[in-house]
Protein backbone atom coordinates (compact mmCIF):
# COMPACT_ATOMS: atom_id res chain seq x y z
CA MET A 1 77.97 11.04 5.05
CA SER A 2 78.93 12.40 1.15
CA TRP A 3 83.04 13.01 0.40
CA PRO A 4 84.25 16.45 0.70
CA VAL A 5 82.30 19.11 -1.53
CA ARG A 6 83.22 22.34 -2.31
CA ALA A 7 81.96 25.59 -2.83
CA GLN A 8 81.33 29.45 -1.82
CA ASP A 9 84.98 29.44 -1.01
CA CYS A 10 84.53 26.77 1.89
CA CYS A 11 84.14 22.42 2.44
CA TYR A 12 81.47 20.78 3.81
CA GLN A 13 79.84 17.25 3.58
CA VAL A 14 76.29 16.34 2.70
CA CYS A 15 74.08 13.78 4.82
CA LEU A 16 73.37 11.15 1.58
CA GLY A 17 70.20 10.14 3.40
CA CYS A 18 68.60 13.53 4.36
CA GLY A 19 70.67 15.89 2.94
CA ILE A 20 71.97 17.95 5.80
CA LYS A 21 75.61 19.44 5.67
CA ARG A 22 78.10 20.35 7.76
CA LEU A 23 81.67 22.06 7.36
CA PHE A 24 85.19 20.26 6.34
CA ASP A 25 88.56 20.84 7.43
CA GLU A 26 90.35 19.39 4.55
CA SER A 27 93.95 20.41 6.63
CA THR A 28 92.67 17.55 9.25
CA PHE A 29 90.16 15.70 7.15
CA ARG A 30 87.35 16.31 9.76
CA ALA A 31 84.38 17.45 9.86
CA TYR A 32 83.21 20.06 12.60
CA GLY A 33 80.79 22.68 13.69
CA PRO A 34 77.00 22.32 13.75
CA TYR A 35 74.76 20.91 11.15
CA SER A 36 72.31 22.69 8.67
CA TYR A 37 70.31 22.05 5.59
CA ASP A 38 71.30 25.70 4.54
CA LEU A 39 74.64 26.02 3.58
CA ASP A 40 74.59 30.18 4.48
CA ARG A 41 73.58 29.76 7.44
CA LEU A 42 76.23 27.21 8.00
CA LEU A 43 78.94 29.62 7.21
CA ARG A 44 76.73 32.71 9.43
CA LEU A 45 76.88 30.67 12.69
CA VAL A 46 80.29 29.20 12.57
CA GLY A 47 82.34 32.14 10.84
CA ARG A 48 84.73 31.80 8.01
CA ARG A 49 87.46 33.47 10.28
CA ASN A 50 86.78 30.05 12.58
CA GLU A 51 87.76 27.13 10.03
CA PRO A 52 90.06 24.99 12.41
CA GLY A 53 92.81 25.09 8.88
CA ALA A 54 92.80 29.16 8.87
CA ALA A 55 94.18 29.77 12.00
CA LYS A 56 96.81 27.85 11.70
CA ASP A 57 98.39 30.05 8.82
CA GLU A 58 101.07 32.95 9.73
CA PRO A 59 101.94 35.43 7.98
CA GLY A 60 105.00 35.71 6.56
CA LYS A 61 105.95 32.15 7.38
CA ARG A 62 106.84 29.74 4.64
CA ARG A 63 105.97 26.08 4.59
CA PRO A 64 107.32 23.63 2.26
CA ALA A 65 106.22 22.22 -1.16
CA SER A 66 106.00 19.06 0.32
């Protein structure tokens, strides 16, 4: 698999052998969800709000910069 790639407001990895894609969570540095050759289809299957890092942020909660 490739290093994580960022496009269309998401992060994903691509298989260097066949080109299949899988979403990638930058906060945990892990791939998640199903595999798909079509990035738009993959985003529809998982749904952008289901990203593992998205649920961790609470509105109004302050986090340190470091």
